[in-house]
Amino acid sequence: MEITSNDMKRVRSFALAKCRRRNDYSDLDDFTGAGLLGLAEAGKRYEPQEDVGFWGYARYRVRGRIHDYSRRLHKQRHWAPAKDKDQPADHYLPSMGCLVHVPESMRRSMESCLTVRESSSLLTQLLGELEPTERFFLVCCDVEGVSVAEAARCKGMDRHQGRTVLRRSHRKMRKRLEELGYGLEDFS
């Protein structure tokens, strides 16, 4: 397919629209180039149909390429970590938007880290192995933040009995995790 001046004008208009939405015209040429790549891709893949013209198809490719390029630029400009010369920063936290130094002693290999899904599945399995009273105290006190005295009162026990049950459930969970080769640090 041959690109005509009309096609160039259309691609340029899509790039201009993107610049207007961003209120920044400094990347107009880059957006136009990305749009032309989308146009070339559309030209290769387009199969004529009677209800869809070429620009009905190409419009999505061109706009998509421009949008992808815009996202890539935004990510490079706004999420690129800035190096701090005073403190070596080797771990980027996107939620905080900054770099933090992670001491060697705190680093763990990817193999030793559990995914959220794995840890959730494992903990659910281990909670199922506990006695109902132990599970009740563990969930109430450690997950929901209820005091031991309040949980004990719900079960008709005094505070000391409740604390004993909670300690027993902690020991069982820790022992079972160690048997499976995990430590508490794998869940932090």
C-alpha atoms as a PDB file:
ATOM      1  CA  MET A   1       0.000   0.000   0.000  1.00  0.00           C
ATOM      2  CA  GLU A   2       1.256   3.435  -0.849  1.00  0.00           C
ATOM      3  CA  ILE A   3       0.978   6.228   1.710  1.00  0.00           C
ATOM      4  CA  THR A   4      -0.525   9.371   0.232  1.00  0.00           C
ATOM      5  CA  SER A   5      -0.486  12.940   1.513  1.00  0.00           C
ATOM      6  CA  ASN A   6      -4.110  12.454   2.600  1.00  0.00           C
ATOM      7  CA  ASP A   7      -3.057   9.527   4.777  1.00  0.00           C
ATOM      8  CA  MET A   8      -0.260  11.635   6.270  1.00  0.00           C
ATOM      9  CA  LYS A   9      -2.748  14.392   7.090  1.00  0.00           C
ATOM     10  CA  ARG A  10      -5.040  11.931   8.845  1.00  0.00           C
ATOM     11  CA  VAL A  11      -2.223  10.449  10.898  1.00  0.00           C
ATOM     12  CA  ARG A  12      -1.047  13.966  11.763  1.00  0.00           C
ATOM     13  CA  SER A  13      -4.577  14.882  12.896  1.00  0.00           C
ATOM     14  CA  PHE A  14      -4.659  11.854  15.243  1.00  0.00           C
ATOM     15  CA  ALA A  15      -1.263  12.877  16.640  1.00  0.00           C
ATOM     16  CA  LEU A  16      -2.471  16.471  17.096  1.00  0.00           C
ATOM     17  CA  ALA A  17      -5.566  15.239  18.933  1.00  0.00           C
ATOM     18  CA  LYS A  18      -3.357  13.270  21.323  1.00  0.00           C
ATOM     19  CA  CYS A  19      -1.164  16.330  21.926  1.00  0.00           C
ATOM     20  CA  ARG A  20      -4.249  18.467  22.610  1.00  0.00           C
ATOM     21  CA  ARG A  21      -5.493  15.972  25.204  1.00  0.00           C
ATOM     22  CA  ARG A  22      -2.084  15.990  26.886  1.00  0.00           C
ATOM     23  CA  ASN A  23      -1.757  19.793  26.476  1.00  0.00           C
ATOM     24  CA  ASP A  24       1.833  19.222  25.312  1.00  0.00           C
ATOM     25  CA  TYR A  25       2.912  19.565  21.679  1.00  0.00           C
ATOM     26  CA  SER A  26       6.597  18.722  22.139  1.00  0.00           C
ATOM     27  CA  ASP A  27       6.070  15.100  21.077  1.00  0.00           C
ATOM     28  CA  LEU A  28       3.976  15.769  17.964  1.00  0.00           C
ATOM     29  CA  ASP A  29       6.580  14.411  15.549  1.00  0.00           C
ATOM     30  CA  ASP A  30       7.115  11.303  17.665  1.00  0.00           C
ATOM     31  CA  PHE A  31       3.382  10.653  17.796  1.00  0.00           C
ATOM     32  CA  THR A  32       3.154  11.149  14.037  1.00  0.00           C
ATOM     33  CA  GLY A  33       5.951   8.606  13.549  1.00  0.00           C
ATOM     34  CA  ALA A  34       4.196   6.108  15.806  1.00  0.00           C
ATOM     35  CA  GLY A  35       0.980   6.698  13.878  1.00  0.00           C
ATOM     36  CA  LEU A  36       2.751   6.050  10.582  1.00  0.00           C
ATOM     37  CA  LEU A  37       4.019   2.745  11.947  1.00  0.00           C
ATOM     38  CA  GLY A  38       0.430   1.883  12.824  1.00  0.00           C
ATOM     39  CA  LEU A  39      -0.649   2.875   9.321  1.00  0.00           C
ATOM     40  CA  ALA A  40       1.999   0.646   7.750  1.00  0.00           C
ATOM     41  CA  GLU A  41       0.910  -2.232   9.974  1.00  0.00           C
ATOM     42  CA  ALA A  42      -2.709  -1.668   8.991  1.00  0.00           C
ATOM     43  CA  GLY A  43      -1.737  -1.646   5.311  1.00  0.00           C
ATOM     44  CA  LYS A  44      -0.126  -5.075   5.678  1.00  0.00           C
ATOM     45  CA  ARG A  45      -2.988  -6.649   7.586  1.00  0.00           C
ATOM     46  CA  TYR A  46      -6.026  -5.083   5.952  1.00  0.00           C
ATOM     47  CA  GLU A  47      -8.311  -7.405   4.028  1.00  0.00           C
ATOM     48  CA  PRO A  48     -10.966  -5.539   2.026  1.00  0.00           C
ATOM     49  CA  GLN A  49     -14.539  -6.065   3.208  1.00  0.00           C
ATOM     50  CA  GLU A  50     -17.668  -4.442   1.829  1.00  0.00           C
ATOM     51  CA  ASP A  51     -18.869  -3.015   5.162  1.00  0.00           C
ATOM     52  CA  VAL A  52     -15.470  -1.744   6.446  1.00  0.00           C
ATOM     53  CA  GLY A  53     -13.289   0.669   4.501  1.00  0.00           C
ATOM     54  CA  PHE A  54      -9.544   0.911   4.910  1.00  0.00           C
ATOM     55  CA  TRP A  55      -9.638   3.885   7.276  1.00  0.00           C
ATOM     56  CA  GLY A  56     -12.371   2.254   9.305  1.00  0.00           C
ATOM     57  CA  TYR A  57      -9.804  -0.437  10.031  1.00  0.00           C
ATOM     58  CA  ALA A  58      -6.605   1.653  10.038  1.00  0.00           C
ATOM     59  CA  ARG A  59      -7.960   4.252  12.465  1.00  0.00           C
ATOM     60  CA  TYR A  60      -7.730   1.770  15.355  1.00  0.00           C
ATOM     61  CA  ARG A  61      -4.184   0.714  14.484  1.00  0.00           C
ATOM     62  CA  VAL A  62      -2.970   4.298  14.137  1.00  0.00           C
ATOM     63  CA  ARG A  63      -4.612   5.529  17.337  1.00  0.00           C
ATOM     64  CA  GLY A  64      -3.468   2.432  19.198  1.00  0.00           C
ATOM     65  CA  ARG A  65       0.164   2.959  18.188  1.00  0.00           C
ATOM     66  CA  ILE A  66       0.011   6.617  19.208  1.00  0.00           C
ATOM     67  CA  HIS A  67      -1.584   5.731  22.537  1.00  0.00           C
ATOM     68  CA  ASP A  68       0.988   3.001  23.241  1.00  0.00           C
ATOM     69  CA  TYR A  69       3.813   5.396  22.469  1.00  0.00           C
ATOM     70  CA  SER A  70       2.269   8.024  24.756  1.00  0.00           C
ATOM     71  CA  ARG A  71       2.078   5.522  27.612  1.00  0.00           C
ATOM     72  CA  ARG A  72       5.680   4.475  27.059  1.00  0.00           C
ATOM     73  CA  LEU A  73       6.805   8.125  27.148  1.00  0.00           C
ATOM     74  CA  HIS A  74       4.826   8.791  30.319  1.00  0.00           C
ATOM     75  CA  LYS A  75       6.331   5.764  32.014  1.00  0.00           C
ATOM     76  CA  GLN A  76       9.867   6.755  31.044  1.00  0.00           C
ATOM     77  CA  ARG A  77       9.439  10.338  32.209  1.00  0.00           C
ATOM     78  CA  HIS A  78       7.445   9.899  35.387  1.00  0.00           C
ATOM     79  CA  TRP A  79       8.406   6.498  36.729  1.00  0.00           C
ATOM     80  CA  ALA A  80      12.086   6.371  35.889  1.00  0.00           C
ATOM     81  CA  PRO A  81      13.997   6.120  39.147  1.00  0.00           C
ATOM     82  CA  ALA A  82      16.375   8.954  39.872  1.00  0.00           C
ATOM     83  CA  LYS A  83      19.692   7.873  41.357  1.00  0.00           C
ATOM     84  CA  ASP A  84      20.630   9.331  44.710  1.00  0.00           C
ATOM     85  CA  LYS A  85      24.400   9.775  44.987  1.00  0.00           C
ATOM     86  CA  ASP A  86      24.513   9.724  48.786  1.00  0.00           C
ATOM     87  CA  GLN A  87      22.804   6.405  49.328  1.00  0.00           C
ATOM     88  CA  PRO A  88      22.907   3.486  46.897  1.00  0.00           C
ATOM     89  CA  ALA A  89      19.317   2.816  45.937  1.00  0.00           C
ATOM     90  CA  ASP A  90      18.634  -0.521  44.381  1.00  0.00           C
ATOM     91  CA  HIS A  91      14.929  -1.151  44.769  1.00  0.00           C
ATOM     92  CA  TYR A  92      12.206   0.953  43.142  1.00  0.00           C
ATOM     93  CA  LEU A  93       8.824   1.197  44.887  1.00  0.00           C
ATOM     94  CA  PRO A  94       6.205   2.415  42.396  1.00  0.00           C
ATOM     95  CA  SER A  95       3.591   2.887  45.102  1.00  0.00           C
ATOM     96  CA  MET A  96       5.848   5.426  46.813  1.00  0.00           C
ATOM     97  CA  GLY A  97       7.458   6.715  43.620  1.00  0.00           C
ATOM     98  CA  CYS A  98      10.977   6.463  44.990  1.00  0.00           C
ATOM     99  CA  LEU A  99      14.033   4.302  45.352  1.00  0.00           C
ATOM    100  CA  VAL A 100      14.956   2.641  48.606  1.00  0.00           C
ATOM    101  CA  HIS A 101      18.097   0.880  49.718  1.00  0.00           C
ATOM    102  CA  VAL A 102      17.533  -2.755  50.634  1.00  0.00           C
ATOM    103  CA  PRO A 103      20.309  -4.159  52.841  1.00  0.00           C
ATOM    104  CA  GLU A 104      21.893  -7.409  51.690  1.00  0.00           C
ATOM    105  CA  SER A 105      20.606  -9.205  54.795  1.00  0.00           C
ATOM    106  CA  MET A 106      16.987  -8.424  53.846  1.00  0.00           C
ATOM    107  CA  ARG A 107      17.190  -9.497  50.212  1.00  0.00           C
ATOM    108  CA  ARG A 108      15.617 -12.777  49.287  1.00  0.00           C
ATOM    109  CA  SER A 109      15.845 -14.688  46.075  1.00  0.00           C
ATOM    110  CA  MET A 110      12.826 -14.973  43.815  1.00  0.00           C
ATOM    111  CA  GLU A 111      12.690 -18.699  44.543  1.00  0.00           C
ATOM    112  CA  SER A 112      12.239 -18.095  48.269  1.00  0.00           C
ATOM    113  CA  CYS A 113       9.430 -15.587  47.829  1.00  0.00           C
ATOM    114  CA  LEU A 114       5.877 -16.811  47.686  1.00  0.00           C
ATOM    115  CA  THR A 115       3.316 -15.231  45.456  1.00  0.00           C
ATOM    116  CA  VAL A 116       0.184 -13.887  47.074  1.00  0.00           C
ATOM    117  CA  ARG A 117      -1.871 -16.682  45.563  1.00  0.00           C
ATOM    118  CA  GLU A 118       0.505 -19.397  46.791  1.00  0.00           C
ATOM    119  CA  SER A 119       0.718 -17.988  50.305  1.00  0.00           C
ATOM    120  CA  SER A 120      -3.048 -17.504  50.512  1.00  0.00           C
ATOM    121  CA  SER A 121      -3.651 -21.062  49.363  1.00  0.00           C
ATOM    122  CA  LEU A 122      -1.062 -22.447  51.785  1.00  0.00           C
ATOM    123  CA  LEU A 123      -2.397 -20.500  54.764  1.00  0.00           C
ATOM    124  CA  THR A 124      -5.974 -21.547  53.986  1.00  0.00           C
ATOM    125  CA  GLN A 125      -4.861 -25.175  53.909  1.00  0.00           C
ATOM    126  CA  LEU A 126      -2.987 -24.859  57.202  1.00  0.00           C
ATOM    127  CA  LEU A 127      -5.883 -23.062  58.889  1.00  0.00           C
ATOM    128  CA  GLY A 128      -8.105 -25.969  57.850  1.00  0.00           C
ATOM    129  CA  GLU A 129      -5.792 -28.356  59.720  1.00  0.00           C
ATOM    130  CA  LEU A 130      -6.262 -26.522  63.037  1.00  0.00           C
ATOM    131  CA  GLU A 131      -8.929 -27.360  65.587  1.00  0.00           C
ATOM    132  CA  PRO A 132     -12.004 -25.103  65.262  1.00  0.00           C
ATOM    133  CA  THR A 133     -11.275 -23.271  68.533  1.00  0.00           C
ATOM    134  CA  GLU A 134      -7.627 -22.689  67.568  1.00  0.00           C
ATOM    135  CA  ARG A 135      -8.687 -21.451  64.133  1.00  0.00           C
ATOM    136  CA  PHE A 136     -11.252 -19.122  65.751  1.00  0.00           C
ATOM    137  CA  PHE A 137      -8.657 -17.510  68.021  1.00  0.00           C
ATOM    138  CA  LEU A 138      -6.045 -17.219  65.266  1.00  0.00           C
ATOM    139  CA  VAL A 139      -8.430 -15.556  62.816  1.00  0.00           C
ATOM    140  CA  CYS A 140     -10.118 -13.311  65.400  1.00  0.00           C
ATOM    141  CA  CYS A 141      -6.942 -12.105  67.092  1.00  0.00           C
ATOM    142  CA  ASP A 142      -4.345 -12.088  64.297  1.00  0.00           C
ATOM    143  CA  VAL A 143      -6.446 -11.332  61.235  1.00  0.00           C
ATOM    144  CA  GLU A 144      -9.374  -9.287  62.490  1.00  0.00           C
ATOM    145  CA  GLY A 145      -7.583  -7.609  65.390  1.00  0.00           C
ATOM    146  CA  VAL A 146      -9.990  -8.668  68.144  1.00  0.00           C
ATOM    147  CA  SER A 147      -8.455  -8.752  71.633  1.00  0.00           C
ATOM    148  CA  VAL A 148      -7.744 -12.130  73.220  1.00  0.00           C
ATOM    149  CA  ALA A 149     -10.054 -11.282  76.127  1.00  0.00           C
ATOM    150  CA  GLU A 150     -12.955 -10.487  73.800  1.00  0.00           C
ATOM    151  CA  ALA A 151     -12.440 -13.645  71.708  1.00  0.00           C
ATOM    152  CA  ALA A 152     -12.209 -15.720  74.900  1.00  0.00           C
ATOM    153  CA  ARG A 153     -15.437 -14.183  76.192  1.00  0.00           C
ATOM    154  CA  CYS A 154     -17.197 -15.229  72.938  1.00  0.00           C
ATOM    155  CA  LYS A 155     -16.070 -18.816  73.517  1.00  0.00           C
ATOM    156  CA  GLY A 156     -16.984 -18.793  77.215  1.00  0.00           C
ATOM    157  CA  MET A 157     -13.357 -18.864  78.413  1.00  0.00           C
ATOM    158  CA  ASP A 158     -11.282 -16.535  80.527  1.00  0.00           C
ATOM    159  CA  ARG A 159      -8.445 -14.445  79.065  1.00  0.00           C
ATOM    160  CA  HIS A 160      -5.684 -16.841  80.186  1.00  0.00           C
ATOM    161  CA  GLN A 161      -7.328 -19.842  78.520  1.00  0.00           C
ATOM    162  CA  GLY A 162      -7.762 -17.828  75.331  1.00  0.00           C
ATOM    163  CA  ARG A 163      -4.116 -16.790  75.342  1.00  0.00           C
ATOM    164  CA  THR A 164      -3.081 -20.435  75.795  1.00  0.00           C
ATOM    165  CA  VAL A 165      -5.215 -21.524  72.825  1.00  0.00           C
ATOM    166  CA  LEU A 166      -3.797 -18.702  70.666  1.00  0.00           C
ATOM    167  CA  ARG A 167      -0.196 -19.625  71.568  1.00  0.00           C
ATOM    168  CA  ARG A 168      -0.910 -23.277  70.778  1.00  0.00           C
ATOM    169  CA  SER A 169      -2.329 -22.341  67.375  1.00  0.00           C
ATOM    170  CA  HIS A 170       0.738 -20.173  66.664  1.00  0.00           C
ATOM    171  CA  ARG A 171       3.061 -23.050  67.577  1.00  0.00           C
ATOM    172  CA  LYS A 172       1.149 -25.484  65.353  1.00  0.00           C
ATOM    173  CA  MET A 173       1.182 -23.105  62.394  1.00  0.00           C
ATOM    174  CA  ARG A 174       4.901 -22.333  62.820  1.00  0.00           C
ATOM    175  CA  LYS A 175       5.767 -26.027  63.157  1.00  0.00           C
ATOM    176  CA  ARG A 176       3.720 -26.955  60.103  1.00  0.00           C
ATOM    177  CA  LEU A 177       5.278 -24.159  58.030  1.00  0.00           C
ATOM    178  CA  GLU A 178       8.765 -25.298  59.019  1.00  0.00           C
ATOM    179  CA  GLU A 179       7.886 -28.869  58.037  1.00  0.00           C
ATOM    180  CA  LEU A 180       6.936 -27.566  54.598  1.00  0.00           C
ATOM    181  CA  GLY A 181      10.188 -25.588  54.351  1.00  0.00           C
ATOM    182  CA  TYR A 182       8.830 -22.086  54.924  1.00  0.00           C
ATOM    183  CA  GLY A 183       9.529 -19.468  57.561  1.00  0.00           C
ATOM    184  CA  LEU A 184       7.467 -16.530  58.744  1.00  0.00           C
ATOM    185  CA  GLU A 185       9.628 -14.193  56.639  1.00  0.00           C
ATOM    186  CA  ASP A 186       8.167 -15.809  53.502  1.00  0.00           C
ATOM    187  CA  PHE A 187       4.797 -14.266  54.336  1.00  0.00           C
ATOM    188  CA  SER A 188       5.883 -10.696  55.038  1.00  0.00           C
END
